[in-house]
Amino acid sequence: EPHVAWVLALACPDASGIVHAVTGLLDDLGGNIND
């Protein structure tokens, strides 16, 4: 299936679990993280 390349850049107050939340939502979208 063809894919579309996106770049997500973000900033927020630091807290535990942010990386897990971001990678989880991208996984739910069927995304494949390249970097």
PDB file of all heavy atoms in Angstrom:
ATOM      1  N   GLU A   1       0.840  -1.191   0.000  1.00  0.00           N
ATOM      2  CA  GLU A   1       0.000   0.000   0.000  1.00  0.00           C
ATOM      3  C   GLU A   1       0.878   1.245   0.000  1.00  0.00           C
ATOM      4  O   GLU A   1       1.866   1.326   0.735  1.00  0.00           O
ATOM      5  CB  GLU A   1      -0.897   0.006   1.242  1.00  0.00           C
ATOM      6  CG  GLU A   1      -1.822   1.209   1.309  1.00  0.00           C
ATOM      7  CD  GLU A   1      -2.732   1.183   2.514  1.00  0.00           C
ATOM      8  OE1 GLU A   1      -2.670   0.213   3.289  1.00  0.00           O
ATOM      9  OE2 GLU A   1      -3.511   2.141   2.669  1.00  0.00           O
ATOM     10  N   PRO A   2       0.555   2.231  -0.823  1.00  0.00           N
ATOM     11  CA  PRO A   2       1.360   3.458  -0.815  1.00  0.00           C
ATOM     12  C   PRO A   2       1.260   4.176   0.519  1.00  0.00           C
ATOM     13  O   PRO A   2       0.240   4.106   1.213  1.00  0.00           O
ATOM     14  CB  PRO A   2       0.753   4.281  -1.952  1.00  0.00           C
ATOM     15  CG  PRO A   2      -0.623   3.738  -2.140  1.00  0.00           C
ATOM     16  CD  PRO A   2      -0.540   2.283  -1.803  1.00  0.00           C
ATOM     17  N   HIS A   3       2.346   4.848   0.868  1.00  0.00           N
ATOM     18  CA  HIS A   3       2.412   5.579   2.124  1.00  0.00           C
ATOM     19  C   HIS A   3       2.685   7.061   1.859  1.00  0.00           C
ATOM     20  O   HIS A   3       3.181   7.440   0.803  1.00  0.00           O
ATOM     21  CB  HIS A   3       3.506   5.013   3.034  1.00  0.00           C
ATOM     22  CG  HIS A   3       3.124   3.733   3.701  1.00  0.00           C
ATOM     23  ND1 HIS A   3       2.907   2.566   2.993  1.00  0.00           N
ATOM     24  CD2 HIS A   3       2.923   3.428   5.017  1.00  0.00           C
ATOM     25  CE1 HIS A   3       2.582   1.595   3.845  1.00  0.00           C
ATOM     26  NE2 HIS A   3       2.585   2.098   5.065  1.00  0.00           N
ATOM     27  N   VAL A   4       2.373   7.875   2.838  1.00  0.00           N
ATOM     28  CA  VAL A   4       2.668   9.303   2.804  1.00  0.00           C
ATOM     29  C   VAL A   4       3.643   9.607   3.936  1.00  0.00           C
ATOM     30  O   VAL A   4       3.452   9.163   5.074  1.00  0.00           O
ATOM     31  CB  VAL A   4       1.391  10.150   2.975  1.00  0.00           C
ATOM     32  CG1 VAL A   4       1.736  11.634   3.055  1.00  0.00           C
ATOM     33  CG2 VAL A   4       0.422   9.883   1.824  1.00  0.00           C
ATOM     34  N   ALA A   5       4.713  10.349   3.611  1.00  0.00           N
ATOM     35  CA  ALA A   5       5.734  10.688   4.604  1.00  0.00           C
ATOM     36  C   ALA A   5       5.359  11.980   5.328  1.00  0.00           C
ATOM     37  O   ALA A   5       5.123  13.012   4.696  1.00  0.00           O
ATOM     38  CB  ALA A   5       7.085  10.834   3.925  1.00  0.00           C
ATOM     39  N   TRP A   6       5.308  11.902   6.646  1.00  0.00           N
ATOM     40  CA  TRP A   6       4.981  13.057   7.478  1.00  0.00           C
ATOM     41  C   TRP A   6       6.128  13.347   8.447  1.00  0.00           C
ATOM     42  O   TRP A   6       6.889  12.438   8.817  1.00  0.00           O
ATOM     43  CB  TRP A   6       3.719  12.801   8.303  1.00  0.00           C
ATOM     44  CG  TRP A   6       2.458  12.616   7.514  1.00  0.00           C
ATOM     45  CD1 TRP A   6       1.904  11.442   7.089  1.00  0.00           C
ATOM     46  CD2 TRP A   6       1.580  13.655   7.063  1.00  0.00           C
ATOM     47  NE1 TRP A   6       0.744  11.670   6.400  1.00  0.00           N
ATOM     48  CE2 TRP A   6       0.508  13.026   6.373  1.00  0.00           C
ATOM     49  CE3 TRP A   6       1.576  15.047   7.175  1.00  0.00           C
ATOM     50  CZ2 TRP A   6      -0.532  13.748   5.805  1.00  0.00           C
ATOM     51  CZ3 TRP A   6       0.538  15.766   6.610  1.00  0.00           C
ATOM     52  CH2 TRP A   6      -0.500  15.125   5.943  1.00  0.00           C
ATOM     53  N   VAL A   7       6.208  14.600   8.885  1.00  0.00           N
ATOM     54  CA  VAL A   7       7.097  14.964   9.989  1.00  0.00           C
ATOM     55  C   VAL A   7       6.253  15.655  11.056  1.00  0.00           C
ATOM     56  O   VAL A   7       5.591  16.665  10.787  1.00  0.00           O
ATOM     57  CB  VAL A   7       8.233  15.902   9.538  1.00  0.00           C
ATOM     58  CG1 VAL A   7       9.031  16.377  10.756  1.00  0.00           C
ATOM     59  CG2 VAL A   7       9.159  15.193   8.560  1.00  0.00           C
ATOM     60  N   LEU A   8       6.286  15.095  12.252  1.00  0.00           N
ATOM     61  CA  LEU A   8       5.590  15.676  13.388  1.00  0.00           C
ATOM     62  C   LEU A   8       6.631  16.291  14.317  1.00  0.00           C
ATOM     63  O   LEU A   8       7.563  15.602  14.757  1.00  0.00           O
ATOM     64  CB  LEU A   8       4.794  14.603  14.131  1.00  0.00           C
ATOM     65  CG  LEU A   8       4.169  15.009  15.472  1.00  0.00           C
ATOM     66  CD1 LEU A   8       3.145  16.127  15.286  1.00  0.00           C
ATOM     67  CD2 LEU A   8       3.542  13.798  16.170  1.00  0.00           C
ATOM     68  N   ALA A   9       6.499  17.581  14.577  1.00  0.00           N
ATOM     69  CA  ALA A   9       7.382  18.272  15.513  1.00  0.00           C
ATOM     70  C   ALA A   9       6.528  18.867  16.621  1.00  0.00           C
ATOM     71  O   ALA A   9       5.476  19.464  16.351  1.00  0.00           O
ATOM     72  CB  ALA A   9       8.169  19.367  14.811  1.00  0.00           C
ATOM     73  N   LEU A  10       6.963  18.709  17.862  1.00  0.00           N
ATOM     74  CA  LEU A  10       6.127  19.140  18.982  1.00  0.00           C
ATOM     75  C   LEU A  10       6.965  19.598  20.160  1.00  0.00           C
ATOM     76  O   LEU A  10       8.145  19.270  20.293  1.00  0.00           O
ATOM     77  CB  LEU A  10       5.197  17.994  19.401  1.00  0.00           C
ATOM     78  CG  LEU A  10       5.864  16.701  19.878  1.00  0.00           C
ATOM     79  CD1 LEU A  10       6.072  16.717  21.399  1.00  0.00           C
ATOM     80  CD2 LEU A  10       5.028  15.496  19.482  1.00  0.00           C
ATOM     81  N   ALA A  11       6.323  20.363  21.017  1.00  0.00           N
ATOM     82  CA  ALA A  11       6.907  20.796  22.277  1.00  0.00           C
ATOM     83  C   ALA A  11       5.795  20.873  23.311  1.00  0.00           C
ATOM     84  O   ALA A  11       4.663  21.232  22.989  1.00  0.00           O
ATOM     85  CB  ALA A  11       7.601  22.140  22.137  1.00  0.00           C
ATOM     86  N   CYS A  12       6.133  20.530  24.565  1.00  0.00           N
ATOM     87  CA  CYS A  12       5.137  20.542  25.635  1.00  0.00           C
ATOM     88  C   CYS A  12       5.854  20.468  26.976  1.00  0.00           C
ATOM     89  O   CYS A  12       7.061  20.214  27.036  1.00  0.00           O
ATOM     90  CB  CYS A  12       4.166  19.368  25.486  1.00  0.00           C
ATOM     91  SG  CYS A  12       4.940  17.741  25.623  1.00  0.00           S
ATOM     92  N   PRO A  13       5.134  20.681  28.060  1.00  0.00           N
ATOM     93  CA  PRO A  13       5.741  20.472  29.372  1.00  0.00           C
ATOM     94  C   PRO A  13       6.227  19.025  29.499  1.00  0.00           C
ATOM     95  O   PRO A  13       5.528  18.088  29.098  1.00  0.00           O
ATOM     96  CB  PRO A  13       4.600  20.765  30.351  1.00  0.00           C
ATOM     97  CG  PRO A  13       3.688  21.669  29.584  1.00  0.00           C
ATOM     98  CD  PRO A  13       3.757  21.214  28.168  1.00  0.00           C
ATOM     99  N   ASP A  14       7.424  18.865  30.038  1.00  0.00           N
ATOM    100  CA  ASP A  14       8.000  17.528  30.146  1.00  0.00           C
ATOM    101  C   ASP A  14       7.223  16.693  31.166  1.00  0.00           C
ATOM    102  O   ASP A  14       6.805  17.184  32.215  1.00  0.00           O
ATOM    103  CB  ASP A  14       9.465  17.619  30.578  1.00  0.00           C
ATOM    104  CG  ASP A  14      10.257  16.392  30.172  1.00  0.00           C
ATOM    105  OD1 ASP A  14       9.644  15.423  29.674  1.00  0.00           O
ATOM    106  OD2 ASP A  14      11.489  16.396  30.331  1.00  0.00           O
ATOM    107  N   ALA A  15       7.004  15.440  30.815  1.00  0.00           N
ATOM    108  CA  ALA A  15       6.279  14.515  31.694  1.00  0.00           C
ATOM    109  C   ALA A  15       6.580  13.091  31.250  1.00  0.00           C
ATOM    110  O   ALA A  15       6.994  12.848  30.112  1.00  0.00           O
ATOM    111  CB  ALA A  15       4.775  14.784  31.644  1.00  0.00           C
ATOM    112  N   SER A  16       6.353  12.161  32.131  1.00  0.00           N
ATOM    113  CA  SER A  16       6.555  10.760  31.802  1.00  0.00           C
ATOM    114  C   SER A  16       5.448  10.266  30.868  1.00  0.00           C
ATOM    115  O   SER A  16       4.273  10.611  31.054  1.00  0.00           O
ATOM    116  CB  SER A  16       6.561   9.919  33.095  1.00  0.00           C
ATOM    117  OG  SER A  16       6.680   8.552  32.800  1.00  0.00           O
ATOM    118  N   GLY A  17       5.823   9.503  29.857  1.00  0.00           N
ATOM    119  CA  GLY A  17       4.842   8.861  28.987  1.00  0.00           C
ATOM    120  C   GLY A  17       4.583   9.548  27.663  1.00  0.00           C
ATOM    121  O   GLY A  17       3.783   9.057  26.858  1.00  0.00           O
ATOM    122  N   ILE A  18       5.261  10.675  27.389  1.00  0.00           N
ATOM    123  CA  ILE A  18       4.985  11.407  26.149  1.00  0.00           C
ATOM    124  C   ILE A  18       5.414  10.595  24.930  1.00  0.00           C
ATOM    125  O   ILE A  18       4.667  10.466  23.949  1.00  0.00           O
ATOM    126  CB  ILE A  18       5.692  12.776  26.153  1.00  0.00           C
ATOM    127  CG1 ILE A  18       5.189  13.629  27.308  1.00  0.00           C
ATOM    128  CG2 ILE A  18       5.464  13.487  24.818  1.00  0.00           C
ATOM    129  CD1 ILE A  18       5.950  14.930  27.482  1.00  0.00           C
ATOM    130  N   VAL A  19       6.626  10.057  24.972  1.00  0.00           N
ATOM    131  CA  VAL A  19       7.128   9.288  23.823  1.00  0.00           C
ATOM    132  C   VAL A  19       6.217   8.096  23.547  1.00  0.00           C
ATOM    133  O   VAL A  19       5.873   7.806  22.395  1.00  0.00           O
ATOM    134  CB  VAL A  19       8.577   8.827  24.070  1.00  0.00           C
ATOM    135  CG1 VAL A  19       9.041   7.897  22.946  1.00  0.00           C
ATOM    136  CG2 VAL A  19       9.515  10.020  24.172  1.00  0.00           C
ATOM    137  N   HIS A  20       5.805   7.412  24.608  1.00  0.00           N
ATOM    138  CA  HIS A  20       4.921   6.263  24.451  1.00  0.00           C
ATOM    139  C   HIS A  20       3.598   6.688  23.820  1.00  0.00           C
ATOM    140  O   HIS A  20       3.056   6.002  22.941  1.00  0.00           O
ATOM    141  CB  HIS A  20       4.670   5.619  25.815  1.00  0.00           C
ATOM    142  CG  HIS A  20       3.768   4.422  25.760  1.00  0.00           C
ATOM    143  ND1 HIS A  20       2.404   4.523  25.941  1.00  0.00           N
ATOM    144  CD2 HIS A  20       4.031   3.106  25.533  1.00  0.00           C
ATOM    145  CE1 HIS A  20       1.852   3.330  25.832  1.00  0.00           C
ATOM    146  NE2 HIS A  20       2.821   2.445  25.584  1.00  0.00           N
ATOM    147  N   ALA A  21       3.068   7.832  24.250  1.00  0.00           N
ATOM    148  CA  ALA A  21       1.793   8.310  23.715  1.00  0.00           C
ATOM    149  C   ALA A  21       1.908   8.670  22.236  1.00  0.00           C
ATOM    150  O   ALA A  21       1.033   8.316  21.430  1.00  0.00           O
ATOM    151  CB  ALA A  21       1.321   9.514  24.524  1.00  0.00           C
ATOM    152  N   VAL A  22       2.990   9.350  21.866  1.00  0.00           N
ATOM    153  CA  VAL A  22       3.152   9.780  20.477  1.00  0.00           C
ATOM    154  C   VAL A  22       3.373   8.585  19.562  1.00  0.00           C
ATOM    155  O   VAL A  22       2.737   8.461  18.506  1.00  0.00           O
ATOM    156  CB  VAL A  22       4.319  10.773  20.354  1.00  0.00           C
ATOM    157  CG1 VAL A  22       4.629  11.071  18.885  1.00  0.00           C
ATOM    158  CG2 VAL A  22       3.998  12.065  21.095  1.00  0.00           C
ATOM    159  N   THR A  23       4.271   7.705  19.948  1.00  0.00           N
ATOM    160  CA  THR A  23       4.527   6.537  19.106  1.00  0.00           C
ATOM    161  C   THR A  23       3.303   5.630  19.046  1.00  0.00           C
ATOM    162  O   THR A  23       3.036   5.002  18.022  1.00  0.00           O
ATOM    163  CB  THR A  23       5.749   5.753  19.620  1.00  0.00           C
ATOM    164  OG1 THR A  23       5.551   5.395  21.004  1.00  0.00           O
ATOM    165  CG2 THR A  23       7.009   6.586  19.513  1.00  0.00           C
ATOM    166  N   GLY A  24       2.538   5.592  20.142  1.00  0.00           N
ATOM    167  CA  GLY A  24       1.331   4.775  20.146  1.00  0.00           C
ATOM    168  C   GLY A  24       0.278   5.284  19.181  1.00  0.00           C
ATOM    169  O   GLY A  24      -0.350   4.512  18.450  1.00  0.00           O
ATOM    170  N   LEU A  25       0.077   6.599  19.153  1.00  0.00           N
ATOM    171  CA  LEU A  25      -0.942   7.140  18.240  1.00  0.00           C
ATOM    172  C   LEU A  25      -0.519   6.946  16.788  1.00  0.00           C
ATOM    173  O   LEU A  25      -1.362   6.682  15.921  1.00  0.00           O
ATOM    174  CB  LEU A  25      -1.222   8.610  18.553  1.00  0.00           C
ATOM    175  CG  LEU A  25      -0.327   9.711  17.987  1.00  0.00           C
ATOM    176  CD1 LEU A  25      -0.762  10.133  16.588  1.00  0.00           C
ATOM    177  CD2 LEU A  25      -0.335  10.932  18.901  1.00  0.00           C
ATOM    178  N   LEU A  26       0.784   7.035  16.501  1.00  0.00           N
ATOM    179  CA  LEU A  26       1.263   6.805  15.137  1.00  0.00           C
ATOM    180  C   LEU A  26       1.118   5.339  14.746  1.00  0.00           C
ATOM    181  O   LEU A  26       0.795   5.016  13.596  1.00  0.00           O
ATOM    182  CB  LEU A  26       2.717   7.262  15.005  1.00  0.00           C
ATOM    183  CG  LEU A  26       2.947   8.774  15.199  1.00  0.00           C
ATOM    184  CD1 LEU A  26       4.434   9.091  15.148  1.00  0.00           C
ATOM    185  CD2 LEU A  26       2.180   9.581  14.161  1.00  0.00           C
ATOM    186  N   ASP A  27       1.325   4.461  15.708  1.00  0.00           N
ATOM    187  CA  ASP A  27       1.126   3.035  15.443  1.00  0.00           C
ATOM    188  C   ASP A  27      -0.350   2.738  15.172  1.00  0.00           C
ATOM    189  O   ASP A  27      -0.679   1.943  14.281  1.00  0.00           O
ATOM    190  CB  ASP A  27       1.626   2.213  16.630  1.00  0.00           C
ATOM    191  CG  ASP A  27       1.482   0.718  16.395  1.00  0.00           C
ATOM    192  OD1 ASP A  27       2.140   0.188  15.484  1.00  0.00           O
ATOM    193  OD2 ASP A  27       0.679   0.086  17.117  1.00  0.00           O
ATOM    194  N   ASP A  28      -1.235   3.387  15.921  1.00  0.00           N
ATOM    195  CA  ASP A  28      -2.672   3.201  15.705  1.00  0.00           C
ATOM    196  C   ASP A  28      -3.092   3.654  14.300  1.00  0.00           C
ATOM    197  O   ASP A  28      -4.076   3.137  13.744  1.00  0.00           O
ATOM    198  CB  ASP A  28      -3.474   3.978  16.753  1.00  0.00           C
ATOM    199  CG  ASP A  28      -3.335   3.381  18.150  1.00  0.00           C
ATOM    200  OD1 ASP A  28      -2.930   2.203  18.250  1.00  0.00           O
ATOM    201  OD2 ASP A  28      -3.616   4.096  19.133  1.00  0.00           O
ATOM    202  N   LEU A  29      -2.348   4.598  13.737  1.00  0.00           N
ATOM    203  CA  LEU A  29      -2.637   5.079  12.383  1.00  0.00           C
ATOM    204  C   LEU A  29      -2.000   4.196  11.310  1.00  0.00           C
ATOM    205  O   LEU A  29      -2.134   4.473  10.124  1.00  0.00           O
ATOM    206  CB  LEU A  29      -2.130   6.515  12.219  1.00  0.00           C
ATOM    207  CG  LEU A  29      -2.847   7.602  13.032  1.00  0.00           C
ATOM    208  CD1 LEU A  29      -2.074   8.907  12.966  1.00  0.00           C
ATOM    209  CD2 LEU A  29      -4.279   7.799  12.523  1.00  0.00           C
ATOM    210  N   GLY A  30      -1.311   3.136  11.759  1.00  0.00           N
ATOM    211  CA  GLY A  30      -0.629   2.258  10.814  1.00  0.00           C
ATOM    212  C   GLY A  30       0.714   2.790  10.371  1.00  0.00           C
ATOM    213  O   GLY A  30       1.262   2.361   9.347  1.00  0.00           O
ATOM    214  N   GLY A  31       1.247   3.756  11.114  1.00  0.00           N
ATOM    215  CA  GLY A  31       2.481   4.415  10.722  1.00  0.00           C
ATOM    216  C   GLY A  31       3.720   3.588  11.000  1.00  0.00           C
ATOM    217  O   GLY A  31       3.753   2.739  11.891  1.00  0.00           O
ATOM    218  N   ASN A  32       4.753   3.853  10.210  1.00  0.00           N
ATOM    219  CA  ASN A  32       6.065   3.253  10.389  1.00  0.00           C
ATOM    220  C   ASN A  32       7.060   4.376  10.641  1.00  0.00           C
ATOM    221  O   ASN A  32       7.334   5.183   9.751  1.00  0.00           O
ATOM    222  CB  ASN A  32       6.473   2.446   9.149  1.00  0.00           C
ATOM    223  CG  ASN A  32       7.854   1.842   9.300  1.00  0.00           C
ATOM    224  OD1 ASN A  32       8.165   1.252  10.325  1.00  0.00           O
ATOM    225  ND2 ASN A  32       8.698   2.000   8.282  1.00  0.00           N
ATOM    226  N   ILE A  33       7.610   4.440  11.864  1.00  0.00           N
ATOM    227  CA  ILE A  33       8.511   5.523  12.244  1.00  0.00           C
ATOM    228  C   ILE A  33       9.890   5.270  11.650  1.00  0.00           C
ATOM    229  O   ILE A  33      10.494   4.226  11.863  1.00  0.00           O
ATOM    230  CB  ILE A  33       8.591   5.648  13.776  1.00  0.00           C
ATOM    231  CG1 ILE A  33       7.236   6.082  14.336  1.00  0.00           C
ATOM    232  CG2 ILE A  33       9.673   6.642  14.180  1.00  0.00           C
ATOM    233  CD1 ILE A  33       7.171   6.129  15.855  1.00  0.00           C
ATOM    234  N   ASN A  34      10.382   6.279  10.909  1.00  0.00           N
ATOM    235  CA  ASN A  34      11.711   6.185  10.296  1.00  0.00           C
ATOM    236  C   ASN A  34      12.786   6.855  11.135  1.00  0.00           C
ATOM    237  O   ASN A  34      13.957   6.458  11.076  1.00  0.00           O
ATOM    238  CB  ASN A  34      11.685   6.836   8.904  1.00  0.00           C
ATOM    239  CG  ASN A  34      10.734   6.131   7.967  1.00  0.00           C
ATOM    240  OD1 ASN A  34      10.741   4.914   7.861  1.00  0.00           O
ATOM    241  ND2 ASN A  34       9.889   6.901   7.274  1.00  0.00           N
ATOM    242  N   ASP A  35      12.397   7.878  11.865  1.00  0.00           N
ATOM    243  CA  ASP A  35      13.380   8.611  12.667  1.00  0.00           C
ATOM    244  C   ASP A  35      12.644   9.305  13.802  1.00  0.00           C
ATOM    245  O   ASP A  35      11.541   9.839  13.611  1.00  0.00           O
ATOM    246  CB  ASP A  35      14.105   9.652  11.806  1.00  0.00           C
ATOM    247  CG  ASP A  35      15.153  10.418  12.597  1.00  0.00           C
ATOM    248  OD1 ASP A  35      16.130   9.797  13.066  1.00  0.00           O
ATOM    249  OD2 ASP A  35      14.990  11.651  12.760  1.00  0.00           O
TER     250      ASP A  35
END
